[in-house]
């Protein structure tokens, strides 16, 4: 129900839902309302805030691509890179 404002009341939600889906039993309206309340609490994290701290030429790169770029720069500077074992316990 993306067209309803987040602060919509239960009664407004019921009116809107029944306008578009027809008459529904109270139990189904309650379930839909609970589902809507759950969906309103979802937060999607895209990492946009973190990416803004990166240099402009790296903001569009994935984590893997940034790692490859760092590795390539290190090799170009003559550094040797030793990989750690998959499960390194120290």
C-alpha atoms as a PDB file:
ATOM      1  CA  UNK A   1       0.000   0.000   0.000  1.00  0.00           C
ATOM      2  CA  UNK A   2       2.598   2.500  -1.075  1.00  0.00           C
ATOM      3  CA  UNK A   3       0.069   5.210  -1.912  1.00  0.00           C
ATOM      4  CA  UNK A   4      -1.080   5.625   1.679  1.00  0.00           C
ATOM      5  CA  UNK A   5       0.878   7.937   3.952  1.00  0.00           C
ATOM      6  CA  UNK A   6       2.824   6.236   6.759  1.00  0.00           C
ATOM      7  CA  UNK A   7       0.653   7.947   9.383  1.00  0.00           C
ATOM      8  CA  UNK A   8      -2.606   6.619   7.903  1.00  0.00           C
ATOM      9  CA  UNK A   9      -5.081   5.433  10.527  1.00  0.00           C
ATOM     10  CA  UNK A  10      -6.528   1.927  10.634  1.00  0.00           C
ATOM     11  CA  UNK A  11      -9.942   3.222   9.544  1.00  0.00           C
ATOM     12  CA  UNK A  12      -8.473   5.060   6.538  1.00  0.00           C
ATOM     13  CA  UNK A  13      -6.528   1.938   5.628  1.00  0.00           C
ATOM     14  CA  UNK A  14      -9.683  -0.197   5.809  1.00  0.00           C
ATOM     15  CA  UNK A  15     -11.635   2.265   3.665  1.00  0.00           C
ATOM     16  CA  UNK A  16      -8.883   2.396   1.047  1.00  0.00           C
ATOM     17  CA  UNK A  17      -8.436  -1.384   0.975  1.00  0.00           C
ATOM     18  CA  UNK A  18     -12.139  -2.104   0.651  1.00  0.00           C
ATOM     19  CA  UNK A  19     -12.480   0.554  -2.040  1.00  0.00           C
ATOM     20  CA  UNK A  20      -9.932  -1.291  -4.178  1.00  0.00           C
ATOM     21  CA  UNK A  21     -10.475  -4.922  -3.156  1.00  0.00           C
ATOM     22  CA  UNK A  22     -14.117  -5.013  -2.208  1.00  0.00           C
ATOM     23  CA  UNK A  23     -15.603  -6.052   1.104  1.00  0.00           C
ATOM     24  CA  UNK A  24     -13.198  -8.084   3.212  1.00  0.00           C
ATOM     25  CA  UNK A  25     -13.639  -9.886   6.527  1.00  0.00           C
ATOM     26  CA  UNK A  26     -12.321  -8.119   9.627  1.00  0.00           C
ATOM     27  CA  UNK A  27      -9.697 -10.833  10.210  1.00  0.00           C
ATOM     28  CA  UNK A  28      -8.196 -10.309   6.758  1.00  0.00           C
ATOM     29  CA  UNK A  29      -8.170  -6.533   7.234  1.00  0.00           C
ATOM     30  CA  UNK A  30      -6.353  -7.033  10.537  1.00  0.00           C
ATOM     31  CA  UNK A  31      -3.763  -9.259   8.858  1.00  0.00           C
ATOM     32  CA  UNK A  32      -3.243  -6.745   6.060  1.00  0.00           C
ATOM     33  CA  UNK A  33      -2.889  -3.933   8.607  1.00  0.00           C
ATOM     34  CA  UNK A  34      -0.288  -5.902  10.581  1.00  0.00           C
ATOM     35  CA  UNK A  35       1.604  -6.678   7.381  1.00  0.00           C
ATOM     36  CA  UNK A  36       1.555  -2.984   6.431  1.00  0.00           C
ATOM     37  CA  UNK A  37       2.859  -1.990   9.864  1.00  0.00           C
ATOM     38  CA  UNK A  38       5.672  -4.522   9.509  1.00  0.00           C
ATOM     39  CA  UNK A  39       6.586  -3.250   6.048  1.00  0.00           C
ATOM     40  CA  UNK A  40       6.696   0.345   7.275  1.00  0.00           C
ATOM     41  CA  UNK A  41       9.470  -0.572   9.716  1.00  0.00           C
ATOM     42  CA  UNK A  42      11.777  -2.002   7.030  1.00  0.00           C
ATOM     43  CA  UNK A  43      14.968  -0.101   6.386  1.00  0.00           C
ATOM     44  CA  UNK A  44      17.094  -0.655   3.313  1.00  0.00           C
ATOM     45  CA  UNK A  45      20.774   0.080   3.719  1.00  0.00           C
ATOM     46  CA  UNK A  46      22.575   0.746   0.465  1.00  0.00           C
ATOM     47  CA  UNK A  47      25.880   1.940   1.907  1.00  0.00           C
ATOM     48  CA  UNK A  48      25.481   5.290   0.191  1.00  0.00           C
ATOM     49  CA  UNK A  49      26.698   7.167   3.272  1.00  0.00           C
ATOM     50  CA  UNK A  50      29.828   5.051   3.504  1.00  0.00           C
ATOM     51  CA  UNK A  51      30.526   5.343  -0.216  1.00  0.00           C
ATOM     52  CA  UNK A  52      30.515   9.139   0.044  1.00  0.00           C
ATOM     53  CA  UNK A  53      33.612   8.874   2.256  1.00  0.00           C
ATOM     54  CA  UNK A  54      35.531   7.107  -0.529  1.00  0.00           C
ATOM     55  CA  UNK A  55      37.484   8.947  -3.229  1.00  0.00           C
ATOM     56  CA  UNK A  56      35.246   9.994  -6.161  1.00  0.00           C
ATOM     57  CA  UNK A  57      36.785   7.436  -8.529  1.00  0.00           C
ATOM     58  CA  UNK A  58      35.934   4.573  -6.131  1.00  0.00           C
ATOM     59  CA  UNK A  59      32.381   5.544  -5.110  1.00  0.00           C
ATOM     60  CA  UNK A  60      30.770   3.517  -7.896  1.00  0.00           C
ATOM     61  CA  UNK A  61      32.893   0.389  -7.319  1.00  0.00           C
ATOM     62  CA  UNK A  62      31.770  -2.674  -5.385  1.00  0.00           C
ATOM     63  CA  UNK A  63      33.782  -3.891  -2.398  1.00  0.00           C
ATOM     64  CA  UNK A  64      35.343  -6.603  -4.526  1.00  0.00           C
ATOM     65  CA  UNK A  65      36.292  -4.135  -7.266  1.00  0.00           C
ATOM     66  CA  UNK A  66      37.862  -1.777  -4.717  1.00  0.00           C
ATOM     67  CA  UNK A  67      39.884  -4.707  -3.346  1.00  0.00           C
ATOM     68  CA  UNK A  68      41.126  -5.609  -6.808  1.00  0.00           C
ATOM     69  CA  UNK A  69      42.073  -1.992  -7.470  1.00  0.00           C
ATOM     70  CA  UNK A  70      44.028  -1.814  -4.200  1.00  0.00           C
ATOM     71  CA  UNK A  71      45.787  -5.063  -5.062  1.00  0.00           C
ATOM     72  CA  UNK A  72      46.678  -3.825  -8.549  1.00  0.00           C
ATOM     73  CA  UNK A  73      48.059  -0.573  -7.122  1.00  0.00           C
ATOM     74  CA  UNK A  74      50.169  -2.493  -4.602  1.00  0.00           C
ATOM     75  CA  UNK A  75      51.561  -4.786  -7.303  1.00  0.00           C
ATOM     76  CA  UNK A  76      52.308  -1.770  -9.516  1.00  0.00           C
ATOM     77  CA  UNK A  77      54.340  -0.282  -6.645  1.00  0.00           C
ATOM     78  CA  UNK A  78      56.368  -3.490  -6.349  1.00  0.00           C
ATOM     79  CA  UNK A  79      54.816  -4.806  -3.143  1.00  0.00           C
ATOM     80  CA  UNK A  80      54.269  -8.517  -2.698  1.00  0.00           C
ATOM     81  CA  UNK A  81      50.878  -9.750  -1.589  1.00  0.00           C
ATOM     82  CA  UNK A  82      50.456 -12.883   0.487  1.00  0.00           C
ATOM     83  CA  UNK A  83      46.970 -14.240   0.904  1.00  0.00           C
ATOM     84  CA  UNK A  84      45.764 -15.417   4.279  1.00  0.00           C
ATOM     85  CA  UNK A  85      44.235 -18.888   4.601  1.00  0.00           C
ATOM     86  CA  UNK A  86      40.447 -18.944   4.354  1.00  0.00           C
ATOM     87  CA  UNK A  87      40.065 -19.731   8.047  1.00  0.00           C
ATOM     88  CA  UNK A  88      42.954 -18.090   9.811  1.00  0.00           C
ATOM     89  CA  UNK A  89      42.789 -18.463  13.581  1.00  0.00           C
ATOM     90  CA  UNK A  90      45.193 -16.306  15.533  1.00  0.00           C
END
